[in-house]
PDB file of N, CA and C in Angstrom:
ATOM      1  N   MET A   1    -173.549 -89.282 -61.284  1.00  0.00           N
ATOM      2  CA  MET A   1    -172.973 -87.867 -61.681  1.00  0.00           C
ATOM      3  C   MET A   1    -173.423 -87.318 -60.532  1.00  0.00           C
ATOM      4  N   ASP A   2    -172.904 -86.982 -59.816  1.00  0.00           N
ATOM      5  CA  ASP A   2    -172.796 -85.753 -58.543  1.00  0.00           C
ATOM      6  C   ASP A   2    -173.972 -84.573 -58.573  1.00  0.00           C
ATOM      7  N   PRO A   3    -174.954 -84.699 -58.247  1.00  0.00           N
ATOM      8  CA  PRO A   3    -175.675 -83.398 -58.049  1.00  0.00           C
ATOM      9  C   PRO A   3    -174.811 -81.867 -57.881  1.00  0.00           C
ATOM     10  N   ASN A   4    -175.233 -81.418 -59.196  1.00  0.00           N
ATOM     11  CA  ASN A   4    -174.716 -79.755 -58.927  1.00  0.00           C
ATOM     12  C   ASN A   4    -175.151 -78.883 -57.299  1.00  0.00           C
ATOM     13  N   PRO A   5    -174.062 -78.385 -56.671  1.00  0.00           N
ATOM     14  CA  PRO A   5    -174.954 -77.947 -55.457  1.00  0.00           C
ATOM     15  C   PRO A   5    -175.059 -76.264 -55.539  1.00  0.00           C
ATOM     16  N   ASN A   6    -174.856 -75.924 -57.022  1.00  0.00           N
ATOM     17  CA  ASN A   6    -175.112 -74.654 -57.535  1.00  0.00           C
ATOM     18  C   ASN A   6    -176.699 -75.018 -57.935  1.00  0.00           C
ATOM     19  N   ASP A   7    -177.589 -75.869 -57.912  1.00  0.00           N
ATOM     20  CA  ASP A   7    -178.628 -75.907 -58.973  1.00  0.00           C
ATOM     21  C   ASP A   7    -180.070 -75.813 -57.924  1.00  0.00           C
ATOM     22  N   SER A   8    -180.772 -74.916 -58.470  1.00  0.00           N
ATOM     23  CA  SER A   8    -181.512 -74.227 -57.515  1.00  0.00           C
ATOM     24  C   SER A   8    -182.911 -75.767 -57.412  1.00  0.00           C
ATOM     25  N   ASN A   9    -182.631 -76.838 -58.379  1.00  0.00           N
ATOM     26  CA  ASN A   9    -183.752 -77.828 -58.458  1.00  0.00           C
ATOM     27  C   ASN A   9    -183.029 -78.913 -57.407  1.00  0.00           C
ATOM     28  N   ASN A  10    -182.014 -78.820 -57.090  1.00  0.00           N
ATOM     29  CA  ASN A  10    -181.167 -80.154 -56.317  1.00  0.00           C
ATOM     30  C   ASN A  10    -181.536 -79.717 -54.698  1.00  0.00           C
ATOM     31  N   PRO A  11    -182.388 -80.686 -54.445  1.00  0.00           N
ATOM     32  CA  PRO A  11    -183.075 -80.898 -52.794  1.00  0.00           C
ATOM     33  C   PRO A  11    -182.169 -80.362 -51.701  1.00  0.00           C
ATOM     34  N   ASP A  12    -180.389 -80.545 -52.292  1.00  0.00           N
ATOM     35  CA  ASP A  12    -179.558 -80.296 -50.790  1.00  0.00           C
ATOM     36  C   ASP A  12    -179.276 -78.916 -51.242  1.00  0.00           C
ATOM     37  N   THR A  13    -179.763 -78.392 -52.389  1.00  0.00           N
ATOM     38  CA  THR A  13    -179.446 -77.031 -52.466  1.00  0.00           C
ATOM     39  C   THR A  13    -179.353 -76.090 -51.402  1.00  0.00           C
ATOM     40  N   GLU A  14    -179.229 -75.246 -50.605  1.00  0.00           N
ATOM     41  CA  GLU A  14    -179.094 -74.470 -49.288  1.00  0.00           C
ATOM     42  C   GLU A  14    -179.695 -73.239 -49.927  1.00  0.00           C
ATOM     43  N   VAL A  15    -180.404 -72.478 -49.377  1.00  0.00           N
ATOM     44  CA  VAL A  15    -180.838 -70.695 -49.710  1.00  0.00           C
ATOM     45  C   VAL A  15    -180.734 -70.186 -48.398  1.00  0.00           C
ATOM     46  N   ALA A  16    -179.709 -69.269 -48.153  1.00  0.00           N
ATOM     47  CA  ALA A  16    -179.805 -68.402 -47.307  1.00  0.00           C
ATOM     48  C   ALA A  16    -180.453 -66.932 -47.473  1.00  0.00           C
ATOM     49  N   ARG A  17    -181.165 -66.857 -46.513  1.00  0.00           N
ATOM     50  CA  ARG A  17    -182.330 -65.787 -46.569  1.00  0.00           C
ATOM     51  C   ARG A  17    -182.192 -65.135 -45.336  1.00  0.00           C
ATOM     52  N   VAL A  18    -182.325 -63.412 -45.615  1.00  0.00           N
ATOM     53  CA  VAL A  18    -181.749 -62.491 -44.588  1.00  0.00           C
ATOM     54  C   VAL A  18    -182.662 -61.969 -44.168  1.00  0.00           C
ATOM     55  N   SER A  19    -183.523 -62.070 -43.181  1.00  0.00           N
ATOM     56  CA  SER A  19    -184.744 -61.115 -42.412  1.00  0.00           C
ATOM     57  C   SER A  19    -184.383 -59.839 -42.732  1.00  0.00           C
ATOM     58  N   VAL A  20    -185.067 -58.859 -42.593  1.00  0.00           N
ATOM     59  CA  VAL A  20    -184.540 -57.510 -42.185  1.00  0.00           C
ATOM     60  C   VAL A  20    -186.014 -56.990 -42.284  1.00  0.00           C
ATOM     61  N   LYS A  21    -186.077 -56.390 -40.499  1.00  0.00           N
ATOM     62  CA  LYS A  21    -187.002 -55.245 -40.575  1.00  0.00           C
ATOM     63  C   LYS A  21    -186.152 -53.960 -40.391  1.00  0.00           C
ATOM     64  N   LEU A  22    -187.179 -53.077 -41.120  1.00  0.00           N
ATOM     65  CA  LEU A  22    -187.222 -52.364 -41.585  1.00  0.00           C
ATOM     66  C   LEU A  22    -187.473 -50.828 -40.576  1.00  0.00           C
ATOM     67  N   PRO A  23    -187.071 -49.623 -39.865  1.00  0.00           N
ATOM     68  CA  PRO A  23    -187.610 -48.943 -38.782  1.00  0.00           C
ATOM     69  C   PRO A  23    -188.721 -48.156 -39.457  1.00  0.00           C
ATOM     70  N   PRO A  24    -190.099 -47.890 -39.077  1.00  0.00           N
ATOM     71  CA  PRO A  24    -190.732 -46.691 -39.842  1.00  0.00           C
ATOM     72  C   PRO A  24    -190.060 -46.010 -40.307  1.00  0.00           C
ATOM     73  N   VAL A  25    -191.026 -45.287 -41.632  1.00  0.00           N
ATOM     74  CA  VAL A  25    -190.520 -43.858 -42.056  1.00  0.00           C
ATOM     75  C   VAL A  25    -190.393 -42.776 -41.336  1.00  0.00           C
ATOM     76  N   TRP A  26    -189.048 -42.042 -41.308  1.00  0.00           N
ATOM     77  CA  TRP A  26    -189.183 -40.965 -41.031  1.00  0.00           C
ATOM     78  C   TRP A  26    -189.622 -39.735 -41.503  1.00  0.00           C
ATOM     79  N   ARG A  27    -190.936 -39.173 -41.681  1.00  0.00           N
ATOM     80  CA  ARG A  27    -191.767 -38.377 -42.153  1.00  0.00           C
ATOM     81  C   ARG A  27    -190.682 -36.881 -42.230  1.00  0.00           C
ATOM     82  N   LYS A  28    -189.958 -36.528 -40.930  1.00  0.00           N
ATOM     83  CA  LYS A  28    -189.114 -35.297 -41.029  1.00  0.00           C
ATOM     84  C   LYS A  28    -188.302 -35.697 -41.373  1.00  0.00           C
ATOM     85  N   ASN A  29    -187.183 -36.292 -41.844  1.00  0.00           N
ATOM     86  CA  ASN A  29    -186.057 -36.061 -42.021  1.00  0.00           C
ATOM     87  C   ASN A  29    -185.900 -37.974 -42.787  1.00  0.00           C
ATOM     88  N   ILE A  30    -186.578 -37.906 -44.145  1.00  0.00           N
ATOM     89  CA  ILE A  30    -186.710 -38.974 -44.726  1.00  0.00           C
ATOM     90  C   ILE A  30    -185.246 -39.341 -45.149  1.00  0.00           C
ATOM     91  N   ASN A  31    -184.366 -38.434 -45.760  1.00  0.00           N
ATOM     92  CA  ASN A  31    -182.882 -38.756 -45.982  1.00  0.00           C
ATOM     93  C   ASN A  31    -181.899 -39.420 -45.035  1.00  0.00           C
ATOM     94  N   THR A  32    -182.324 -38.925 -43.697  1.00  0.00           N
ATOM     95  CA  THR A  32    -181.086 -40.127 -42.810  1.00  0.00           C
ATOM     96  C   THR A  32    -182.126 -41.296 -43.180  1.00  0.00           C
ATOM     97  N   TRP A  33    -183.347 -41.155 -42.780  1.00  0.00           N
ATOM     98  CA  TRP A  33    -184.123 -42.395 -42.826  1.00  0.00           C
ATOM     99  C   TRP A  33    -183.380 -43.651 -43.739  1.00  0.00           C
ATOM    100  N   PHE A  34    -183.199 -43.130 -45.180  1.00  0.00           N
ATOM    101  CA  PHE A  34    -182.344 -43.682 -46.273  1.00  0.00           C
ATOM    102  C   PHE A  34    -180.922 -43.804 -46.003  1.00  0.00           C
ATOM    103  N   ILE A  35    -180.428 -43.030 -45.311  1.00  0.00           N
ATOM    104  CA  ILE A  35    -179.037 -43.439 -44.891  1.00  0.00           C
ATOM    105  C   ILE A  35    -179.042 -45.039 -43.666  1.00  0.00           C
ATOM    106  N   GLN A  36    -180.036 -44.908 -42.600  1.00  0.00           N
ATOM    107  CA  GLN A  36    -180.169 -45.881 -41.767  1.00  0.00           C
ATOM    108  C   GLN A  36    -180.263 -47.191 -43.041  1.00  0.00           C
ATOM    109  N   ILE A  37    -181.654 -47.129 -43.602  1.00  0.00           N
ATOM    110  CA  ILE A  37    -181.900 -48.300 -44.170  1.00  0.00           C
ATOM    111  C   ILE A  37    -180.675 -49.220 -45.665  1.00  0.00           C
ATOM    112  N   ASP A  38    -180.093 -48.377 -45.986  1.00  0.00           N
ATOM    113  CA  ASP A  38    -178.875 -48.443 -46.977  1.00  0.00           C
ATOM    114  C   ASP A  38    -178.036 -49.026 -46.156  1.00  0.00           C
ATOM    115  N   ALA A  39    -177.666 -48.454 -44.912  1.00  0.00           N
ATOM    116  CA  ALA A  39    -176.594 -49.371 -43.900  1.00  0.00           C
ATOM    117  C   ALA A  39    -176.987 -50.774 -43.689  1.00  0.00           C
ATOM    118  N   ILE A  40    -178.537 -50.737 -43.883  1.00  0.00           N
ATOM    119  CA  ILE A  40    -179.339 -51.718 -43.117  1.00  0.00           C
ATOM    120  C   ILE A  40    -179.038 -53.337 -44.191  1.00  0.00           C
ATOM    121  N   PHE A  41    -179.054 -52.825 -45.446  1.00  0.00           N
ATOM    122  CA  PHE A  41    -179.117 -53.510 -46.574  1.00  0.00           C
ATOM    123  C   PHE A  41    -177.634 -53.903 -46.836  1.00  0.00           C
ATOM    124  N   ARG A  42    -177.142 -52.780 -46.296  1.00  0.00           N
ATOM    125  CA  ARG A  42    -174.965 -53.430 -46.968  1.00  0.00           C
ATOM    126  C   ARG A  42    -174.734 -54.463 -45.619  1.00  0.00           C
ATOM    127  N   LYS A  43    -175.515 -54.183 -44.755  1.00  0.00           N
ATOM    128  CA  LYS A  43    -174.856 -55.226 -43.764  1.00  0.00           C
ATOM    129  C   LYS A  43    -175.385 -56.637 -43.857  1.00  0.00           C
ATOM    130  N   SER A  44    -177.033 -56.610 -44.197  1.00  0.00           N
ATOM    131  CA  SER A  44    -177.186 -57.694 -44.827  1.00  0.00           C
ATOM    132  C   SER A  44    -176.990 -58.359 -46.288  1.00  0.00           C
ATOM    133  N   ASN A  45    -176.001 -57.579 -46.993  1.00  0.00           N
ATOM    134  CA  ASN A  45    -175.790 -57.933 -48.316  1.00  0.00           C
ATOM    135  C   ASN A  45    -176.945 -58.024 -49.571  1.00  0.00           C
ATOM    136  N   ILE A  46    -177.769 -57.306 -48.981  1.00  0.00           N
ATOM    137  CA  ILE A  46    -178.747 -57.020 -50.049  1.00  0.00           C
ATOM    138  C   ILE A  46    -178.311 -56.046 -51.091  1.00  0.00           C
ATOM    139  N   LYS A  47    -178.515 -56.308 -52.522  1.00  0.00           N
ATOM    140  CA  LYS A  47    -178.086 -55.272 -53.178  1.00  0.00           C
ATOM    141  C   LYS A  47    -179.173 -55.518 -54.413  1.00  0.00           C
ATOM    142  N   SER A  48    -180.341 -56.158 -54.226  1.00  0.00           N
ATOM    143  CA  SER A  48    -181.076 -56.355 -55.600  1.00  0.00           C
ATOM    144  C   SER A  48    -181.914 -55.241 -55.278  1.00  0.00           C
ATOM    145  N   GLU A  49    -182.181 -54.470 -56.485  1.00  0.00           N
ATOM    146  CA  GLU A  49    -183.130 -53.346 -56.589  1.00  0.00           C
ATOM    147  C   GLU A  49    -185.018 -53.703 -56.153  1.00  0.00           C
ATOM    148  N   SER A  50    -185.385 -55.008 -56.651  1.00  0.00           N
ATOM    149  CA  SER A  50    -186.411 -55.382 -56.395  1.00  0.00           C
ATOM    150  C   SER A  50    -186.586 -55.984 -55.021  1.00  0.00           C
ATOM    151  N   THR A  51    -185.418 -56.761 -54.139  1.00  0.00           N
ATOM    152  CA  THR A  51    -185.776 -57.013 -53.026  1.00  0.00           C
ATOM    153  C   THR A  51    -185.204 -55.531 -52.193  1.00  0.00           C
ATOM    154  N   LYS A  52    -184.674 -54.823 -52.019  1.00  0.00           N
ATOM    155  CA  LYS A  52    -184.955 -53.541 -51.582  1.00  0.00           C
ATOM    156  C   LYS A  52    -186.443 -52.893 -52.049  1.00  0.00           C
ATOM    157  N   TYR A  53    -186.549 -52.741 -53.134  1.00  0.00           N
ATOM    158  CA  TYR A  53    -188.159 -51.996 -53.313  1.00  0.00           C
ATOM    159  C   TYR A  53    -189.277 -52.578 -52.000  1.00  0.00           C
ATOM    160  N   ASP A  54    -188.907 -54.281 -52.266  1.00  0.00           N
ATOM    161  CA  ASP A  54    -190.148 -54.887 -51.443  1.00  0.00           C
ATOM    162  C   ASP A  54    -190.379 -54.680 -50.120  1.00  0.00           C
ATOM    163  N   TYR A  55    -188.970 -53.973 -49.716  1.00  0.00           N
ATOM    164  CA  TYR A  55    -188.737 -54.060 -47.959  1.00  0.00           C
ATOM    165  C   TYR A  55    -189.004 -52.924 -47.631  1.00  0.00           C
ATOM    166  N   VAL A  56    -188.648 -51.867 -49.023  1.00  0.00           N
ATOM    167  CA  VAL A  56    -189.201 -50.348 -48.251  1.00  0.00           C
ATOM    168  C   VAL A  56    -190.991 -50.558 -48.378  1.00  0.00           C
ATOM    169  N   VAL A  57    -191.357 -51.451 -49.423  1.00  0.00           N
ATOM    170  CA  VAL A  57    -192.996 -50.756 -49.451  1.00  0.00           C
ATOM    171  C   VAL A  57    -193.848 -51.834 -48.293  1.00  0.00           C
ATOM    172  N   ALA A  58    -192.819 -52.724 -47.760  1.00  0.00           N
ATOM    173  CA  ALA A  58    -193.940 -53.472 -46.618  1.00  0.00           C
ATOM    174  C   ALA A  58    -193.243 -52.487 -45.413  1.00  0.00           C
ATOM    175  N   ALA A  59    -192.636 -51.966 -45.861  1.00  0.00           N
ATOM    176  CA  ALA A  59    -192.429 -50.994 -44.153  1.00  0.00           C
ATOM    177  C   ALA A  59    -193.025 -49.552 -44.068  1.00  0.00           C
ATOM    178  N   LEU A  60    -193.887 -49.242 -45.589  1.00  0.00           N
ATOM    179  CA  LEU A  60    -194.810 -47.757 -45.458  1.00  0.00           C
ATOM    180  C   LEU A  60    -195.985 -48.355 -44.644  1.00  0.00           C
ATOM    181  N   ASP A  61    -196.505 -47.238 -43.991  1.00  0.00           N
ATOM    182  CA  ASP A  61    -197.680 -47.361 -43.107  1.00  0.00           C
ATOM    183  C   ASP A  61    -198.515 -46.942 -44.123  1.00  0.00           C
ATOM    184  N   PRO A  62    -200.278 -47.184 -44.127  1.00  0.00           N
ATOM    185  CA  PRO A  62    -201.187 -47.166 -44.981  1.00  0.00           C
ATOM    186  C   PRO A  62    -200.932 -45.730 -46.055  1.00  0.00           C
ATOM    187  N   ASP A  63    -201.030 -44.348 -44.738  1.00  0.00           N
ATOM    188  CA  ASP A  63    -201.049 -42.970 -45.702  1.00  0.00           C
ATOM    189  C   ASP A  63    -199.694 -42.808 -46.215  1.00  0.00           C
ATOM    190  N   ILE A  64    -198.398 -43.599 -46.112  1.00  0.00           N
ATOM    191  CA  ILE A  64    -197.284 -42.803 -47.018  1.00  0.00           C
ATOM    192  C   ILE A  64    -197.270 -43.729 -48.179  1.00  0.00           C
ATOM    193  N   ALA A  65    -198.054 -45.598 -48.361  1.00  0.00           N
ATOM    194  CA  ALA A  65    -198.177 -46.002 -49.241  1.00  0.00           C
ATOM    195  C   ALA A  65    -199.135 -45.596 -50.480  1.00  0.00           C
ATOM    196  N   ASP A  66    -200.509 -44.812 -49.412  1.00  0.00           N
ATOM    197  CA  ASP A  66    -201.184 -44.179 -50.607  1.00  0.00           C
ATOM    198  C   ASP A  66    -200.379 -43.381 -51.339  1.00  0.00           C
ATOM    199  N   MET A  67    -199.591 -42.197 -50.386  1.00  0.00           N
ATOM    200  CA  MET A  67    -199.019 -41.617 -51.087  1.00  0.00           C
ATOM    201  C   MET A  67    -198.451 -41.387 -52.394  1.00  0.00           C
ATOM    202  N   VAL A  68    -197.796 -42.481 -52.619  1.00  0.00           N
ATOM    203  CA  VAL A  68    -196.710 -43.088 -53.658  1.00  0.00           C
ATOM    204  C   VAL A  68    -196.981 -44.436 -54.446  1.00  0.00           C
ATOM    205  N   SER A  69    -198.565 -44.352 -54.749  1.00  0.00           N
ATOM    206  CA  SER A  69    -199.185 -45.562 -54.767  1.00  0.00           C
ATOM    207  C   SER A  69    -198.547 -45.649 -56.365  1.00  0.00           C
ATOM    208  N   ASP A  70    -198.583 -44.309 -57.285  1.00  0.00           N
ATOM    209  CA  ASP A  70    -198.190 -44.669 -58.416  1.00  0.00           C
ATOM    210  C   ASP A  70    -196.832 -45.461 -58.619  1.00  0.00           C
ATOM    211  N   CYS A  71    -196.044 -45.142 -57.476  1.00  0.00           N
ATOM    212  CA  CYS A  71    -195.131 -46.025 -57.657  1.00  0.00           C
ATOM    213  C   CYS A  71    -194.881 -47.616 -57.499  1.00  0.00           C
ATOM    214  N   SER A  72    -195.987 -48.267 -56.612  1.00  0.00           N
ATOM    215  CA  SER A  72    -196.120 -49.478 -56.025  1.00  0.00           C
ATOM    216  C   SER A  72    -197.231 -50.080 -57.157  1.00  0.00           C
ATOM    217  N   ILE A  73    -197.844 -49.008 -57.636  1.00  0.00           N
ATOM    218  CA  ILE A  73    -199.072 -49.973 -58.463  1.00  0.00           C
ATOM    219  C   ILE A  73    -197.794 -50.360 -59.618  1.00  0.00           C
ATOM    220  N   ASN A  74    -197.268 -49.750 -60.364  1.00  0.00           N
ATOM    221  CA  ASN A  74    -196.795 -49.882 -61.491  1.00  0.00           C
ATOM    222  C   ASN A  74    -195.159 -49.560 -61.449  1.00  0.00           C
ATOM    223  N   PRO A  75    -194.515 -50.245 -60.655  1.00  0.00           N
ATOM    224  CA  PRO A  75    -193.678 -50.087 -60.469  1.00  0.00           C
ATOM    225  C   PRO A  75    -191.927 -50.241 -61.205  1.00  0.00           C
ATOM    226  N   SER A  76    -191.117 -49.483 -61.556  1.00  0.00           N
ATOM    227  CA  SER A  76    -190.488 -49.681 -62.570  1.00  0.00           C
ATOM    228  C   SER A  76    -189.402 -50.981 -62.788  1.00  0.00           C
ATOM    229  N   GLN A  77    -189.315 -51.764 -63.809  1.00  0.00           N
ATOM    230  CA  GLN A  77    -189.072 -53.001 -63.844  1.00  0.00           C
ATOM    231  C   GLN A  77    -187.551 -52.952 -63.793  1.00  0.00           C
ATOM    232  N   THR A  78    -186.672 -52.021 -63.782  1.00  0.00           N
ATOM    233  CA  THR A  78    -185.369 -51.744 -64.066  1.00  0.00           C
ATOM    234  C   THR A  78    -184.361 -51.508 -62.854  1.00  0.00           C
ATOM    235  N   VAL A  79    -185.758 -50.012 -62.047  1.00  0.00           N
ATOM    236  CA  VAL A  79    -185.086 -49.670 -60.841  1.00  0.00           C
ATOM    237  C   VAL A  79    -186.262 -49.272 -59.862  1.00  0.00           C
ATOM    238  N   PRO A  80    -186.703 -50.218 -59.407  1.00  0.00           N
ATOM    239  CA  PRO A  80    -187.912 -49.895 -58.745  1.00  0.00           C
ATOM    240  C   PRO A  80    -187.444 -49.094 -56.962  1.00  0.00           C
ATOM    241  N   TYR A  81    -186.181 -49.767 -56.223  1.00  0.00           N
ATOM    242  CA  TYR A  81    -186.158 -49.273 -55.433  1.00  0.00           C
ATOM    243  C   TYR A  81    -185.417 -47.921 -55.764  1.00  0.00           C
ATOM    244  N   THR A  82    -184.512 -47.338 -56.648  1.00  0.00           N
ATOM    245  CA  THR A  82    -184.335 -46.106 -56.725  1.00  0.00           C
ATOM    246  C   THR A  82    -185.298 -45.109 -57.221  1.00  0.00           C
ATOM    247  N   GLU A  83    -186.363 -45.463 -57.950  1.00  0.00           N
ATOM    248  CA  GLU A  83    -187.425 -44.713 -58.019  1.00  0.00           C
ATOM    249  C   GLU A  83    -188.708 -44.518 -56.987  1.00  0.00           C
ATOM    250  N   LEU A  84    -188.696 -45.492 -56.144  1.00  0.00           N
ATOM    251  CA  LEU A  84    -189.285 -45.378 -54.766  1.00  0.00           C
ATOM    252  C   LEU A  84    -188.902 -44.090 -53.729  1.00  0.00           C
ATOM    253  N   ARG A  85    -187.410 -44.746 -54.147  1.00  0.00           N
ATOM    254  CA  ARG A  85    -186.716 -43.497 -53.174  1.00  0.00           C
ATOM    255  C   ARG A  85    -186.885 -42.171 -53.279  1.00  0.00           C
ATOM    256  N   THR A  86    -186.824 -42.144 -54.689  1.00  0.00           N
ATOM    257  CA  THR A  86    -186.885 -40.658 -55.437  1.00  0.00           C
ATOM    258  C   THR A  86    -188.107 -39.683 -54.762  1.00  0.00           C
ATOM    259  N   ARG A  87    -188.964 -40.716 -55.402  1.00  0.00           N
ATOM    260  CA  ARG A  87    -190.392 -40.014 -54.966  1.00  0.00           C
ATOM    261  C   ARG A  87    -190.372 -39.691 -53.751  1.00  0.00           C
ATOM    262  N   LEU A  88    -190.198 -40.753 -52.830  1.00  0.00           N
ATOM    263  CA  LEU A  88    -190.278 -40.608 -51.116  1.00  0.00           C
ATOM    264  C   LEU A  88    -189.738 -39.248 -50.706  1.00  0.00           C
ATOM    265  N   VAL A  89    -188.445 -39.117 -51.192  1.00  0.00           N
ATOM    266  CA  VAL A  89    -187.525 -37.744 -50.936  1.00  0.00           C
ATOM    267  C   VAL A  89    -188.234 -36.862 -51.626  1.00  0.00           C
ATOM    268  N   ALA A  90    -188.604 -36.592 -52.645  1.00  0.00           N
ATOM    269  CA  ALA A  90    -189.738 -35.740 -53.256  1.00  0.00           C
ATOM    270  C   ALA A  90    -190.721 -35.090 -52.266  1.00  0.00           C
ATOM    271  N   GLU A  91    -191.240 -36.329 -52.246  1.00  0.00           N
ATOM    272  CA  GLU A  91    -192.759 -36.164 -50.960  1.00  0.00           C
ATOM    273  C   GLU A  91    -192.081 -35.425 -49.962  1.00  0.00           C
ATOM    274  N   PHE A  92    -191.477 -35.840 -49.222  1.00  0.00           N
ATOM    275  CA  PHE A  92    -190.970 -35.542 -47.427  1.00  0.00           C
ATOM    276  C   PHE A  92    -190.001 -34.487 -47.815  1.00  0.00           C
ATOM    277  N   SER A  93    -189.442 -34.230 -48.495  1.00  0.00           N
ATOM    278  CA  SER A  93    -188.492 -32.591 -48.594  1.00  0.00           C
ATOM    279  C   SER A  93    -188.993 -31.617 -48.277  1.00  0.00           C
ATOM    280  N   GLU A  94    -188.412 -30.521 -47.686  1.00  0.00           N
ATOM    281  CA  GLU A  94    -189.309 -29.626 -47.272  1.00  0.00           C
ATOM    282  C   GLU A  94    -188.292 -28.657 -48.789  1.00  0.00           C
ATOM    283  N   SER A  95    -189.033 -27.636 -49.060  1.00  0.00           N
ATOM    284  CA  SER A  95    -188.496 -27.146 -50.746  1.00  0.00           C
ATOM    285  C   SER A  95    -187.809 -26.249 -50.084  1.00  0.00           C
ATOM    286  N   ASP A  96    -187.081 -25.629 -51.215  1.00  0.00           N
ATOM    287  CA  ASP A  96    -186.050 -24.594 -50.826  1.00  0.00           C
ATOM    288  C   ASP A  96    -186.810 -23.415 -50.169  1.00  0.00           C
ATOM    289  N   GLY A  97    -188.278 -22.684 -50.528  1.00  0.00           N
ATOM    290  CA  GLY A  97    -188.998 -21.655 -50.019  1.00  0.00           C
ATOM    291  C   GLY A  97    -189.113 -21.966 -48.471  1.00  0.00           C
ATOM    292  N   SER A  98    -189.473 -23.141 -48.296  1.00  0.00           N
ATOM    293  CA  SER A  98    -190.370 -23.345 -47.395  1.00  0.00           C
ATOM    294  C   SER A  98    -189.049 -23.294 -45.912  1.00  0.00           C
ATOM    295  N   ARG A  99    -187.944 -23.840 -46.331  1.00  0.00           N
ATOM    296  CA  ARG A  99    -186.920 -23.623 -46.034  1.00  0.00           C
ATOM    297  C   ARG A  99    -186.500 -22.277 -45.768  1.00  0.00           C
ATOM    298  N   ILE A 100    -186.624 -21.406 -46.103  1.00  0.00           N
ATOM    299  CA  ILE A 100    -186.348 -19.969 -45.802  1.00  0.00           C
ATOM    300  C   ILE A 100    -187.177 -19.186 -45.137  1.00  0.00           C
ATOM    301  N   LYS A 101    -188.560 -19.170 -45.431  1.00  0.00           N
ATOM    302  CA  LYS A 101    -189.579 -18.984 -44.618  1.00  0.00           C
ATOM    303  C   LYS A 101    -189.110 -19.428 -43.195  1.00  0.00           C
ATOM    304  N   LYS A 102    -189.132 -20.332 -42.935  1.00  0.00           N
ATOM    305  CA  LYS A 102    -188.749 -20.938 -41.588  1.00  0.00           C
ATOM    306  C   LYS A 102    -187.712 -20.225 -40.802  1.00  0.00           C
ATOM    307  N   LEU A 103    -186.255 -20.144 -41.615  1.00  0.00           N
ATOM    308  CA  LEU A 103    -185.141 -19.760 -41.294  1.00  0.00           C
ATOM    309  C   LEU A 103    -185.707 -18.270 -40.573  1.00  0.00           C
ATOM    310  N   LEU A 104    -186.335 -17.297 -41.923  1.00  0.00           N
ATOM    311  CA  LEU A 104    -186.886 -16.053 -41.579  1.00  0.00           C
ATOM    312  C   LEU A 104    -187.546 -15.805 -40.785  1.00  0.00           C
ATOM    313  N   THR A 105    -189.041 -16.743 -40.439  1.00  0.00           N
ATOM    314  CA  THR A 105    -189.279 -16.607 -39.601  1.00  0.00           C
ATOM    315  C   THR A 105    -188.853 -17.013 -38.237  1.00  0.00           C
ATOM    316  N   ASP A 106    -187.860 -17.700 -37.833  1.00  0.00           N
ATOM    317  CA  ASP A 106    -187.550 -18.593 -37.018  1.00  0.00           C
ATOM    318  C   ASP A 106    -186.546 -17.265 -36.444  1.00  0.00           C
ATOM    319  N   ARG A 107    -185.606 -16.312 -37.312  1.00  0.00           N
ATOM    320  CA  ARG A 107    -184.948 -15.591 -36.882  1.00  0.00           C
ATOM    321  C   ARG A 107    -185.760 -14.187 -36.102  1.00  0.00           C
ATOM    322  N   PHE A 108    -186.727 -13.540 -36.997  1.00  0.00           N
ATOM    323  CA  PHE A 108    -187.590 -12.680 -36.322  1.00  0.00           C
ATOM    324  C   PHE A 108    -188.046 -12.962 -35.145  1.00  0.00           C
ATOM    325  N   LEU A 109    -188.640 -14.218 -35.129  1.00  0.00           N
ATOM    326  CA  LEU A 109    -189.065 -14.530 -33.460  1.00  0.00           C
ATOM    327  C   LEU A 109    -188.222 -14.278 -32.406  1.00  0.00           C
ATOM    328  N   ILE A 110    -186.919 -14.834 -32.685  1.00  0.00           N
ATOM    329  CA  ILE A 110    -185.385 -14.590 -31.811  1.00  0.00           C
ATOM    330  C   ILE A 110    -185.627 -13.084 -31.410  1.00  0.00           C
ATOM    331  N   ALA A 111    -185.633 -12.245 -32.466  1.00  0.00           N
ATOM    332  CA  ALA A 111    -185.162 -10.493 -32.550  1.00  0.00           C
ATOM    333  C   ALA A 111    -185.842  -9.937 -31.166  1.00  0.00           C
TER     334      ALA A 111
END
């Protein structure tokens, strides 16, 4: 009987692994950072929520990891990447009130 090449217990089975290095988190534009890392994940054919989650957690500096520790201490069993992404976007996105205040301040400083 020939060994099954798809059998993970088969010593002849090769597993292709892709190593990905994500850029540091862009605190000032978290949405653009996620656009970039999603492109990296697509190019590397990474589709698993848990794999994406692991890469993002590994890319977080200690201060940011501490901010979102609620997502990393007890990650979602089904969508850990999506949950962490949502939490990071909420943490770093400017609120509507903050954007309006900045717009008004900038406008009056120019005039």
